[in-house]
Amino acid sequence: MTQIIPISDLLQTQTTTPDVEIFDPPMCCPTGMCGPIIDQTLLDLNEMVQVLQAQGVSVARYQMANHPNAFLNNAEVMKLVLEKQMEALPITVVHGKVIKTQAYPSLEEVSTYLNGAHS
């Protein structure tokens, strides 16, 4: 006898919100590091993401073209985008709270919010 497995059980779904969410401005690729000239800011951001992930922190990066639901499902992010349009980006969210807009945060800034120093 064969066992029937619902297709929904086969699809991976994200059930928890990442610790850190980065809502990026439009870029040529998911990391923005694909062109002939590497932007130092994006290189620093990529390094920060790798450090956080090595510490066990879940990090997600979203671009509106590729992840529109991530933007639409976050009321605070959508409010900022509607008010300031693309100038609001990037937006960084830690534990569901916007911590920085219009620039990427440093590792120290993110760590401060991850460790609960800001409420």
Protein backbone atom coordinates (compact mmCIF):
# COMPACT_ATOMS: atom_id res chain seq x y z
CA MET A 1 0.00 0.00 0.00
CA THR A 2 1.32 3.42 -0.89
CA GLN A 3 1.19 6.35 1.42
CA ILE A 4 -0.30 9.57 0.08
CA ILE A 5 1.62 12.67 1.12
CA PRO A 6 -0.15 16.02 0.66
CA ILE A 7 1.79 18.34 -1.63
CA SER A 8 1.63 21.04 1.05
CA ASP A 9 3.86 18.82 3.21
CA LEU A 10 6.46 18.77 0.45
CA LEU A 11 6.63 22.52 -0.03
CA GLN A 12 9.01 24.38 2.21
CA THR A 13 7.36 27.29 3.92
CA GLN A 14 8.89 29.81 6.23
CA THR A 15 6.93 29.66 9.45
CA THR A 16 9.07 31.95 11.56
CA THR A 17 10.13 35.49 10.90
CA PRO A 18 13.90 35.90 10.53
CA ASP A 19 15.70 37.70 13.35
CA VAL A 20 17.00 40.28 10.87
CA GLU A 21 15.23 41.35 7.68
CA ILE A 22 16.81 43.66 5.13
CA PHE A 23 14.54 45.27 2.56
CA ASP A 24 16.92 46.22 -0.24
CA PRO A 25 16.56 48.84 -2.95
CA PRO A 26 16.37 47.52 -6.53
CA MET A 27 19.64 45.86 -7.56
CA CYS A 28 20.92 43.85 -10.50
CA CYS A 29 21.02 40.63 -8.45
CA PRO A 30 20.06 39.45 -4.93
CA THR A 31 23.32 40.63 -3.33
CA GLY A 32 24.14 43.56 -5.62
CA MET A 33 27.64 42.14 -5.96
CA CYS A 34 27.47 40.94 -9.56
CA GLY A 35 28.77 43.88 -11.56
CA PRO A 36 32.31 44.68 -12.62
CA ILE A 37 32.71 47.19 -9.78
CA ILE A 38 31.90 46.00 -6.25
CA ASP A 39 30.23 48.55 -3.99
CA GLN A 40 32.10 48.57 -0.66
CA THR A 41 28.85 49.14 1.23
CA LEU A 42 27.36 45.95 -0.24
CA LEU A 43 30.56 44.05 0.44
CA ASP A 44 30.41 45.16 4.09
CA LEU A 45 26.73 44.19 4.26
CA ASN A 46 27.46 40.74 2.85
CA GLU A 47 30.22 40.27 5.42
CA MET A 48 27.86 41.35 8.22
CA VAL A 49 25.22 38.85 7.05
CA GLN A 50 27.81 36.06 7.06
CA VAL A 51 28.99 36.98 10.58
CA LEU A 52 25.41 37.06 11.90
CA GLN A 53 24.56 33.74 10.27
CA ALA A 54 27.73 32.19 11.74
CA GLN A 55 26.42 33.31 15.15
CA GLY A 56 23.14 31.50 14.50
CA VAL A 57 21.13 34.61 13.64
CA SER A 58 18.58 34.14 10.86
CA VAL A 59 18.89 36.86 8.22
CA ALA A 60 16.71 37.44 5.16
CA ARG A 61 17.19 39.97 2.37
CA TYR A 62 14.30 41.02 0.17
CA GLN A 63 13.99 42.94 -3.08
CA MET A 64 10.59 44.22 -4.12
CA ALA A 65 10.78 42.64 -7.58
CA ASN A 66 11.64 39.20 -6.21
CA HIS A 67 9.86 39.21 -2.83
CA PRO A 68 6.86 41.55 -3.09
CA ASN A 69 4.94 39.71 -0.35
CA ALA A 70 7.71 40.36 2.16
CA PHE A 71 7.14 44.08 1.61
CA LEU A 72 3.34 43.80 1.51
CA ASN A 73 3.18 41.69 4.66
CA ASN A 74 5.13 44.20 6.76
CA ALA A 75 2.88 47.18 7.50
CA GLU A 76 5.67 49.36 8.88
CA VAL A 77 7.89 48.75 5.84
CA MET A 78 5.01 49.45 3.45
CA LYS A 79 4.15 52.66 5.31
CA LEU A 80 7.74 53.86 4.89
CA VAL A 81 7.84 52.90 1.21
CA LEU A 82 4.52 54.64 0.55
CA GLU A 83 5.69 57.80 2.35
CA LYS A 84 9.27 58.01 1.04
CA GLN A 85 9.08 55.66 -1.95
CA MET A 86 12.41 54.10 -2.93
CA GLU A 87 14.29 56.68 -0.85
CA ALA A 88 13.22 54.74 2.26
CA LEU A 89 15.31 51.76 1.15
CA PRO A 90 17.21 49.97 2.46
CA ILE A 91 15.11 49.26 5.54
CA THR A 92 16.46 47.02 8.29
CA VAL A 93 14.11 45.22 10.67
CA VAL A 94 15.30 43.38 13.80
CA HIS A 95 12.84 41.20 15.71
CA GLY A 96 9.98 42.83 13.79
CA LYS A 97 11.02 46.43 14.54
CA VAL A 98 12.45 48.88 12.00
CA ILE A 99 15.86 49.95 13.28
CA LYS A 100 17.26 51.85 10.30
CA THR A 101 16.15 53.31 6.97
CA GLN A 102 17.91 54.86 3.97
CA ALA A 103 21.25 53.17 4.82
CA TYR A 104 22.53 49.78 5.86
CA PRO A 105 23.31 49.34 9.57
CA SER A 106 26.66 48.31 10.98
CA LEU A 107 27.17 44.97 12.70
CA GLU A 108 27.32 46.86 15.99
CA GLU A 109 23.93 48.49 15.40
CA VAL A 110 22.28 45.18 14.56
CA SER A 111 23.95 43.42 17.49
CA THR A 112 22.71 46.10 19.89
CA TYR A 113 19.11 45.46 18.82
CA LEU A 114 19.56 41.69 18.76
CA ASN A 115 20.86 41.77 22.31
CA GLY A 116 17.84 43.74 23.51
CA ALA A 117 19.68 46.95 24.37
CA HIS A 118 16.90 48.90 22.62
CA SER A 119 13.25 48.29 23.29
